[in-house]
Full PDB file with SEQRES, HELIX, SHEET, SSBOND, CRYST1, ORIGX, SCALE, CONECT and MASTER records, all heavy atoms in Angstrom:
SEQRES   1 A   33  LEU LEU ILE LYS GLN ILE ARG VAL ALA LEU ASN LYS THR          
SEQRES   2 A   33  GLY LYS VAL VAL THR SER THR THR MET GLY PHE GLY GLY          
SEQRES   3 A   33  PRO GLU ASP PRO LEU ALA LYS                                  
HELIX    1 AA1 ILE A    3  LYS A   12  1                                  10    
CRYST1    1.000    1.000    1.000  90.00  90.00  90.00 P 1           1          
ORIGX1      1.000000  0.000000  0.000000        0.00000                         
ORIGX2      0.000000  1.000000  0.000000        0.00000                         
ORIGX3      0.000000  0.000000  1.000000        0.00000                         
SCALE1      1.000000  0.000000  0.000000        0.00000                         
SCALE2      0.000000  1.000000  0.000000        0.00000                         
SCALE3      0.000000  0.000000  1.000000        0.00000                         
ATOM      1  N   LEU A   1      31.909  -7.059  -5.788  1.00  0.00           N  
ATOM      2  CA  LEU A   1      33.201  -7.733  -5.771  1.00  0.00           C  
ATOM      3  C   LEU A   1      34.151  -7.057  -4.791  1.00  0.00           C  
ATOM      4  O   LEU A   1      35.062  -7.691  -4.256  1.00  0.00           O  
ATOM      5  CB  LEU A   1      33.825  -7.737  -7.177  1.00  0.00           C  
ATOM      6  CG  LEU A   1      33.161  -8.667  -8.196  1.00  0.00           C  
ATOM      7  CD1 LEU A   1      33.656  -8.365  -9.600  1.00  0.00           C  
ATOM      8  CD2 LEU A   1      33.452 -10.122  -7.834  1.00  0.00           C  
ATOM      9  N   LEU A   2      33.918  -5.777  -4.537  1.00  0.00           N  
ATOM     10  CA  LEU A   2      34.695  -5.035  -3.547  1.00  0.00           C  
ATOM     11  C   LEU A   2      33.956  -4.950  -2.214  1.00  0.00           C  
ATOM     12  O   LEU A   2      34.500  -5.293  -1.159  1.00  0.00           O  
ATOM     13  CB  LEU A   2      34.983  -3.616  -4.062  1.00  0.00           C  
ATOM     14  CG  LEU A   2      35.622  -2.637  -3.075  1.00  0.00           C  
ATOM     15  CD1 LEU A   2      37.063  -3.041  -2.802  1.00  0.00           C  
ATOM     16  CD2 LEU A   2      35.553  -1.205  -3.617  1.00  0.00           C  
ATOM     17  N   ILE A   3      32.703  -4.489  -2.273  1.00  0.00           N  
ATOM     18  CA  ILE A   3      31.958  -4.176  -1.051  1.00  0.00           C  
ATOM     19  C   ILE A   3      31.644  -5.413  -0.221  1.00  0.00           C  
ATOM     20  O   ILE A   3      31.690  -5.380   1.014  1.00  0.00           O  
ATOM     21  CB  ILE A   3      30.655  -3.424  -1.402  1.00  0.00           C  
ATOM     22  CG1 ILE A   3      30.987  -2.125  -2.151  1.00  0.00           C  
ATOM     23  CG2 ILE A   3      29.860  -3.115  -0.140  1.00  0.00           C  
ATOM     24  CD1 ILE A   3      31.940  -1.202  -1.416  1.00  0.00           C  
ATOM     25  N   LYS A   4      31.347  -6.525  -0.875  1.00  0.00           N  
ATOM     26  CA  LYS A   4      31.000  -7.733  -0.120  1.00  0.00           C  
ATOM     27  C   LYS A   4      32.169  -8.212   0.725  1.00  0.00           C  
ATOM     28  O   LYS A   4      31.983  -8.649   1.873  1.00  0.00           O  
ATOM     29  CB  LYS A   4      30.560  -8.841  -1.078  1.00  0.00           C  
ATOM     30  CG  LYS A   4      29.861 -10.003  -0.384  1.00  0.00           C  
ATOM     31  CD  LYS A   4      28.524  -9.565   0.190  1.00  0.00           C  
ATOM     32  CE  LYS A   4      27.728 -10.745   0.719  1.00  0.00           C  
ATOM     33  NZ  LYS A   4      26.395 -10.354   1.228  1.00  0.00           N  
ATOM     34  N   GLN A   5      33.372  -8.127   0.184  1.00  0.00           N  
ATOM     35  CA  GLN A   5      34.546  -8.531   0.962  1.00  0.00           C  
ATOM     36  C   GLN A   5      34.702  -7.656   2.198  1.00  0.00           C  
ATOM     37  O   GLN A   5      35.052  -8.136   3.283  1.00  0.00           O  
ATOM     38  CB  GLN A   5      35.804  -8.440   0.099  1.00  0.00           C  
ATOM     39  CG  GLN A   5      35.863  -9.440  -1.044  1.00  0.00           C  
ATOM     40  CD  GLN A   5      37.224  -9.454  -1.705  1.00  0.00           C  
ATOM     41  OE1 GLN A   5      38.227  -9.767  -1.095  1.00  0.00           O  
ATOM     42  NE2 GLN A   5      37.271  -9.107  -2.987  1.00  0.00           N  
ATOM     43  N   ILE A   6      34.451  -6.362   2.041  1.00  0.00           N  
ATOM     44  CA  ILE A   6      34.559  -5.439   3.167  1.00  0.00           C  
ATOM     45  C   ILE A   6      33.487  -5.732   4.212  1.00  0.00           C  
ATOM     46  O   ILE A   6      33.754  -5.762   5.418  1.00  0.00           O  
ATOM     47  CB  ILE A   6      34.445  -3.984   2.670  1.00  0.00           C  
ATOM     48  CG1 ILE A   6      35.618  -3.660   1.730  1.00  0.00           C  
ATOM     49  CG2 ILE A   6      34.401  -3.008   3.840  1.00  0.00           C  
ATOM     50  CD1 ILE A   6      35.512  -2.305   1.064  1.00  0.00           C  
ATOM     51  N   ARG A   7      32.269  -5.973   3.757  1.00  0.00           N  
ATOM     52  CA  ARG A   7      31.168  -6.279   4.673  1.00  0.00           C  
ATOM     53  C   ARG A   7      31.447  -7.535   5.490  1.00  0.00           C  
ATOM     54  O   ARG A   7      31.233  -7.557   6.706  1.00  0.00           O  
ATOM     55  CB  ARG A   7      29.871  -6.453   3.883  1.00  0.00           C  
ATOM     56  CG  ARG A   7      29.285  -5.173   3.352  1.00  0.00           C  
ATOM     57  CD  ARG A   7      28.099  -5.436   2.446  1.00  0.00           C  
ATOM     58  NE  ARG A   7      27.088  -6.285   3.072  1.00  0.00           N  
ATOM     59  CZ  ARG A   7      25.927  -6.590   2.504  1.00  0.00           C  
ATOM     60  NH1 ARG A   7      25.644  -6.105   1.302  1.00  0.00           N  
ATOM     61  NH2 ARG A   7      25.050  -7.343   3.125  1.00  0.00           N  
ATOM     62  N   VAL A   8      31.900  -8.565   4.815  1.00  0.00           N  
ATOM     63  CA  VAL A   8      32.169  -9.834   5.498  1.00  0.00           C  
ATOM     64  C   VAL A   8      33.221  -9.639   6.593  1.00  0.00           C  
ATOM     65  O   VAL A   8      33.062 -10.114   7.720  1.00  0.00           O  
ATOM     66  CB  VAL A   8      32.639 -10.903   4.487  1.00  0.00           C  
ATOM     67  CG1 VAL A   8      33.185 -12.129   5.204  1.00  0.00           C  
ATOM     68  CG2 VAL A   8      31.484 -11.313   3.573  1.00  0.00           C  
ATOM     69  N   ALA A   9      34.294  -8.930   6.248  1.00  0.00           N  
ATOM     70  CA  ALA A   9      35.369  -8.707   7.213  1.00  0.00           C  
ATOM     71  C   ALA A   9      34.897  -7.891   8.407  1.00  0.00           C  
ATOM     72  O   ALA A   9      35.228  -8.195   9.564  1.00  0.00           O  
ATOM     73  CB  ALA A   9      36.547  -8.026   6.528  1.00  0.00           C  
ATOM     74  N   LEU A  10      34.104  -6.844   8.154  1.00  0.00           N  
ATOM     75  CA  LEU A  10      33.613  -6.006   9.250  1.00  0.00           C  
ATOM     76  C   LEU A  10      32.629  -6.769  10.134  1.00  0.00           C  
ATOM     77  O   LEU A  10      32.664  -6.649  11.366  1.00  0.00           O  
ATOM     78  CB  LEU A  10      32.960  -4.742   8.691  1.00  0.00           C  
ATOM     79  CG  LEU A  10      33.885  -3.738   7.997  1.00  0.00           C  
ATOM     80  CD1 LEU A  10      33.087  -2.533   7.499  1.00  0.00           C  
ATOM     81  CD2 LEU A  10      35.000  -3.289   8.927  1.00  0.00           C  
ATOM     82  N   ASN A  11      31.751  -7.543   9.522  1.00  0.00           N  
ATOM     83  CA  ASN A  11      30.783  -8.319  10.305  1.00  0.00           C  
ATOM     84  C   ASN A  11      31.477  -9.324  11.220  1.00  0.00           C  
ATOM     85  O   ASN A  11      31.015  -9.596  12.331  1.00  0.00           O  
ATOM     86  CB  ASN A  11      29.806  -9.044   9.375  1.00  0.00           C  
ATOM     87  CG  ASN A  11      28.757  -8.111   8.798  1.00  0.00           C  
ATOM     88  OD1 ASN A  11      28.575  -7.007   9.278  1.00  0.00           O  
ATOM     89  ND2 ASN A  11      28.082  -8.548   7.752  1.00  0.00           N  
ATOM     90  N   LYS A  12      32.592  -9.874  10.747  1.00  0.00           N  
ATOM     91  CA  LYS A  12      33.316 -10.872  11.532  1.00  0.00           C  
ATOM     92  C   LYS A  12      33.975 -10.273  12.770  1.00  0.00           C  
ATOM     93  O   LYS A  12      34.325 -11.006  13.691  1.00  0.00           O  
ATOM     94  CB  LYS A  12      34.357 -11.575  10.663  1.00  0.00           C  
ATOM     95  CG  LYS A  12      33.771 -12.586   9.690  1.00  0.00           C  
ATOM     96  CD  LYS A  12      34.847 -13.316   8.912  1.00  0.00           C  
ATOM     97  CE  LYS A  12      34.242 -14.382   8.012  1.00  0.00           C  
ATOM     98  NZ  LYS A  12      35.286 -15.119   7.241  1.00  0.00           N  
ATOM     99  N   THR A  13      34.144  -8.961  12.803  1.00  0.00           N  
ATOM    100  CA  THR A  13      34.733  -8.331  13.990  1.00  0.00           C  
ATOM    101  C   THR A  13      33.745  -8.304  15.154  1.00  0.00           C  
ATOM    102  O   THR A  13      34.152  -8.134  16.305  1.00  0.00           O  
ATOM    103  CB  THR A  13      35.165  -6.883  13.691  1.00  0.00           C  
ATOM    104  OG1 THR A  13      34.011  -6.067  13.425  1.00  0.00           O  
ATOM    105  CG2 THR A  13      36.121  -6.831  12.507  1.00  0.00           C  
ATOM    106  N   GLY A  14      32.460  -8.442  14.853  1.00  0.00           N  
ATOM    107  CA  GLY A  14      31.443  -8.356  15.886  1.00  0.00           C  
ATOM    108  C   GLY A  14      31.100  -6.931  16.273  1.00  0.00           C  
ATOM    109  O   GLY A  14      30.238  -6.705  17.122  1.00  0.00           O  
ATOM    110  N   LYS A  15      31.762  -5.967  15.644  1.00  0.00           N  
ATOM    111  CA  LYS A  15      31.535  -4.555  15.949  1.00  0.00           C  
ATOM    112  C   LYS A  15      30.591  -3.882  14.961  1.00  0.00           C  
ATOM    113  O   LYS A  15      30.149  -2.755  15.197  1.00  0.00           O  
ATOM    114  CB  LYS A  15      32.870  -3.801  15.942  1.00  0.00           C  
ATOM    115  CG  LYS A  15      33.917  -4.374  16.875  1.00  0.00           C  
ATOM    116  CD  LYS A  15      33.531  -4.233  18.331  1.00  0.00           C  
ATOM    117  CE  LYS A  15      34.650  -4.703  19.246  1.00  0.00           C  
ATOM    118  NZ  LYS A  15      34.276  -4.591  20.683  1.00  0.00           N  
ATOM    119  N   VAL A  16      30.287  -4.575  13.863  1.00  0.00           N  
ATOM    120  CA  VAL A  16      29.467  -3.989  12.796  1.00  0.00           C  
ATOM    121  C   VAL A  16      28.477  -5.025  12.289  1.00  0.00           C  
ATOM    122  O   VAL A  16      28.823  -6.210  12.152  1.00  0.00           O  
ATOM    123  CB  VAL A  16      30.349  -3.509  11.620  1.00  0.00           C  
ATOM    124  CG1 VAL A  16      29.488  -2.905  10.517  1.00  0.00           C  
ATOM    125  CG2 VAL A  16      31.387  -2.499  12.090  1.00  0.00           C  
ATOM    126  N   VAL A  17      27.258  -4.590  12.021  1.00  0.00           N  
ATOM    127  CA  VAL A  17      26.283  -5.416  11.312  1.00  0.00           C  
ATOM    128  C   VAL A  17      25.795  -4.608  10.108  1.00  0.00           C  
ATOM    129  O   VAL A  17      25.656  -3.387  10.187  1.00  0.00           O  
ATOM    130  CB  VAL A  17      25.080  -5.824  12.202  1.00  0.00           C  
ATOM    131  CG1 VAL A  17      25.503  -6.807  13.260  1.00  0.00           C  
ATOM    132  CG2 VAL A  17      24.430  -4.601  12.828  1.00  0.00           C  
ATOM    133  N   THR A  18      25.581  -5.292   9.010  1.00  0.00           N  
ATOM    134  CA  THR A  18      25.164  -4.614   7.785  1.00  0.00           C  
ATOM    135  C   THR A  18      23.665  -4.762   7.583  1.00  0.00           C  
ATOM    136  O   THR A  18      23.128  -5.869   7.674  1.00  0.00           O  
ATOM    137  CB  THR A  18      25.894  -5.192   6.568  1.00  0.00           C  
ATOM    138  OG1 THR A  18      27.297  -5.152   6.801  1.00  0.00           O  
ATOM    139  CG2 THR A  18      25.575  -4.397   5.314  1.00  0.00           C  
ATOM    140  N   SER A  19      23.000  -3.665   7.314  1.00  0.00           N  
ATOM    141  CA  SER A  19      21.566  -3.704   7.048  1.00  0.00           C  
ATOM    142  C   SER A  19      21.314  -4.226   5.632  1.00  0.00           C  
ATOM    143  O   SER A  19      21.942  -3.779   4.675  1.00  0.00           O  
ATOM    144  CB  SER A  19      20.963  -2.305   7.188  1.00  0.00           C  
ATOM    145  OG  SER A  19      19.612  -2.306   6.758  1.00  0.00           O  
ATOM    146  N   THR A  20      20.413  -5.177   5.520  1.00  0.00           N  
ATOM    147  CA  THR A  20      20.013  -5.683   4.207  1.00  0.00           C  
ATOM    148  C   THR A  20      18.637  -5.160   3.794  1.00  0.00           C  
ATOM    149  O   THR A  20      18.108  -5.535   2.753  1.00  0.00           O  
ATOM    150  CB  THR A  20      19.982  -7.227   4.196  1.00  0.00           C  
ATOM    151  OG1 THR A  20      19.062  -7.688   5.187  1.00  0.00           O  
ATOM    152  CG2 THR A  20      21.365  -7.793   4.474  1.00  0.00           C  
ATOM    153  N   THR A  21      18.057  -4.292   4.640  1.00  0.00           N  
ATOM    154  CA  THR A  21      16.752  -3.716   4.315  1.00  0.00           C  
ATOM    155  C   THR A  21      16.840  -2.236   3.976  1.00  0.00           C  
ATOM    156  O   THR A  21      15.872  -1.644   3.513  1.00  0.00           O  
ATOM    157  CB  THR A  21      15.772  -3.891   5.490  1.00  0.00           C  
ATOM    158  OG1 THR A  21      16.303  -3.241   6.648  1.00  0.00           O  
ATOM    159  CG2 THR A  21      15.557  -5.371   5.790  1.00  0.00           C  
ATOM    160  N   MET A  22      18.007  -1.639   4.228  1.00  0.00           N  
ATOM    161  CA  MET A  22      18.234  -0.244   3.881  1.00  0.00           C  
ATOM    162  C   MET A  22      19.457  -0.162   2.988  1.00  0.00           C  
ATOM    163  O   MET A  22      20.470  -0.819   3.242  1.00  0.00           O  
ATOM    164  CB  MET A  22      18.466   0.600   5.142  1.00  0.00           C  
ATOM    165  CG  MET A  22      17.264   0.766   6.020  1.00  0.00           C  
ATOM    166  SD  MET A  22      17.665   1.752   7.507  1.00  0.00           S  
ATOM    167  CE  MET A  22      18.615   0.565   8.444  1.00  0.00           C  
ATOM    168  N   GLY A  23      19.356   0.636   1.941  1.00  0.00           N  
ATOM    169  CA  GLY A  23      20.493   0.793   1.057  1.00  0.00           C  
ATOM    170  C   GLY A  23      20.105   1.534  -0.198  1.00  0.00           C  
ATOM    171  O   GLY A  23      18.917   1.658  -0.540  1.00  0.00           O  
ATOM    172  N   PHE A  24      21.114   2.036  -0.893  1.00  0.00           N  
ATOM    173  CA  PHE A  24      20.859   2.774  -2.121  1.00  0.00           C  
ATOM    174  C   PHE A  24      20.260   1.835  -3.172  1.00  0.00           C  
ATOM    175  O   PHE A  24      20.740   0.741  -3.397  1.00  0.00           O  
ATOM    176  CB  PHE A  24      22.170   3.361  -2.648  1.00  0.00           C  
ATOM    177  CG  PHE A  24      21.998   4.189  -3.889  1.00  0.00           C  
ATOM    178  CD1 PHE A  24      21.558   5.499  -3.814  1.00  0.00           C  
ATOM    179  CD2 PHE A  24      22.279   3.657  -5.143  1.00  0.00           C  
ATOM    180  CE1 PHE A  24      21.400   6.267  -4.951  1.00  0.00           C  
ATOM    181  CE2 PHE A  24      22.130   4.411  -6.290  1.00  0.00           C  
ATOM    182  CZ  PHE A  24      21.689   5.723  -6.192  1.00  0.00           C  
ATOM    183  N   GLY A  25      19.169   2.284  -3.796  1.00  0.00           N  
ATOM    184  CA  GLY A  25      18.527   1.462  -4.823  1.00  0.00           C  
ATOM    185  C   GLY A  25      17.493   0.497  -4.288  1.00  0.00           C  
ATOM    186  O   GLY A  25      16.923  -0.285  -5.045  1.00  0.00           O  
ATOM    187  N   GLY A  26      17.247   0.519  -2.966  1.00  0.00           N  
ATOM    188  CA  GLY A  26      16.242  -0.369  -2.406  1.00  0.00           C  
ATOM    189  C   GLY A  26      16.864  -1.445  -1.544  1.00  0.00           C  
ATOM    190  O   GLY A  26      18.079  -1.568  -1.452  1.00  0.00           O  
ATOM    191  N   PRO A  27      16.015  -2.240  -0.877  1.00  0.00           N  
ATOM    192  CA  PRO A  27      16.531  -3.272   0.027  1.00  0.00           C  
ATOM    193  C   PRO A  27      17.260  -4.377  -0.723  1.00  0.00           C  
ATOM    194  O   PRO A  27      16.862  -4.779  -1.816  1.00  0.00           O  
ATOM    195  CB  PRO A  27      15.266  -3.812   0.702  1.00  0.00           C  
ATOM    196  CG  PRO A  27      14.165  -3.531  -0.273  1.00  0.00           C  
ATOM    197  CD  PRO A  27      14.544  -2.245  -0.944  1.00  0.00           C  
ATOM    198  N   GLU A  28      18.325  -4.859  -0.117  1.00  0.00           N  
ATOM    199  CA  GLU A  28      19.052  -5.995  -0.684  1.00  0.00           C  
ATOM    200  C   GLU A  28      18.249  -7.275  -0.505  1.00  0.00           C  
ATOM    201  O   GLU A  28      18.279  -8.173  -1.344  1.00  0.00           O  
ATOM    202  CB  GLU A  28      20.413  -6.121  -0.001  1.00  0.00           C  
ATOM    203  CG  GLU A  28      21.256  -7.284  -0.482  1.00  0.00           C  
ATOM    204  CD  GLU A  28      22.572  -7.376   0.262  1.00  0.00           C  
ATOM    205  OE1 GLU A  28      22.955  -6.395   0.923  1.00  0.00           O  
ATOM    206  OE2 GLU A  28      23.211  -8.433   0.181  1.00  0.00           O  
ATOM    207  N   ASP A  29      17.533  -7.359   0.612  1.00  0.00           N  
ATOM    208  CA  ASP A  29      16.721  -8.536   0.917  1.00  0.00           C  
ATOM    209  C   ASP A  29      15.263  -8.102   1.043  1.00  0.00           C  
ATOM    210  O   ASP A  29      14.816  -7.674   2.112  1.00  0.00           O  
ATOM    211  CB  ASP A  29      17.196  -9.171   2.226  1.00  0.00           C  
ATOM    212  CG  ASP A  29      16.549 -10.518   2.494  1.00  0.00           C  
ATOM    213  OD1 ASP A  29      15.443 -10.759   1.962  1.00  0.00           O  
ATOM    214  OD2 ASP A  29      17.135 -11.328   3.226  1.00  0.00           O  
ATOM    215  N   PRO A  30      14.479  -8.186  -0.044  1.00  0.00           N  
ATOM    216  CA  PRO A  30      13.080  -7.746  -0.009  1.00  0.00           C  
ATOM    217  C   PRO A  30      12.228  -8.505   1.002  1.00  0.00           C  
ATOM    218  O   PRO A  30      11.322  -7.927   1.609  1.00  0.00           O  
ATOM    219  CB  PRO A  30      12.588  -7.997  -1.446  1.00  0.00           C  
ATOM    220  CG  PRO A  30      13.831  -7.997  -2.280  1.00  0.00           C  
ATOM    221  CD  PRO A  30      14.878  -8.603  -1.398  1.00  0.00           C  
ATOM    222  N   LEU A  31      12.500  -9.802   1.192  1.00  0.00           N  
ATOM    223  CA  LEU A  31      11.711 -10.574   2.148  1.00  0.00           C  
ATOM    224  C   LEU A  31      11.948 -10.085   3.572  1.00  0.00           C  
ATOM    225  O   LEU A  31      11.010 -10.007   4.374  1.00  0.00           O  
ATOM    226  CB  LEU A  31      12.067 -12.060   2.032  1.00  0.00           C  
ATOM    227  CG  LEU A  31      11.571 -12.773   0.768  1.00  0.00           C  
ATOM    228  CD1 LEU A  31      12.014 -14.229   0.782  1.00  0.00           C  
ATOM    229  CD2 LEU A  31      10.050 -12.683   0.645  1.00  0.00           C  
ATOM    230  N   ALA A  32      13.197  -9.779   3.897  1.00  0.00           N  
ATOM    231  CA  ALA A  32      13.491  -9.246   5.228  1.00  0.00           C  
ATOM    232  C   ALA A  32      12.812  -7.891   5.420  1.00  0.00           C  
ATOM    233  O   ALA A  32      12.312  -7.583   6.506  1.00  0.00           O  
ATOM    234  CB  ALA A  32      14.996  -9.125   5.427  1.00  0.00           C  
ATOM    235  N   LYS A  33      12.773  -7.104   4.370  1.00  0.00           N  
ATOM    236  CA  LYS A  33      12.106  -5.803   4.431  1.00  0.00           C  
ATOM    237  C   LYS A  33      10.614  -5.971   4.663  1.00  0.00           C  
ATOM    238  O   LYS A  33      10.011  -5.263   5.499  1.00  0.00           O  
ATOM    239  CB  LYS A  33      12.354  -5.031   3.135  1.00  0.00           C  
ATOM    240  CG  LYS A  33      11.715  -3.641   3.089  1.00  0.00           C  
ATOM    241  CD  LYS A  33      12.322  -2.710   4.120  1.00  0.00           C  
ATOM    242  CE  LYS A  33      11.778  -1.305   3.988  1.00  0.00           C  
ATOM    243  NZ  LYS A  33      12.326  -0.381   5.011  1.00  0.00           N  
TER     244      LYS A  33                                                      
MASTER        0    0    0    1    0    0    0    6  243    1    0    3          
END                                                                             
């Protein structure tokens, strides 16, 4: 509820991309991994 809003805003700047295959607790997107 907090982090997703931050990710969306940063991604929209074009200066940041968020990894969905690396992260604490395992990949967010197993298929992409």
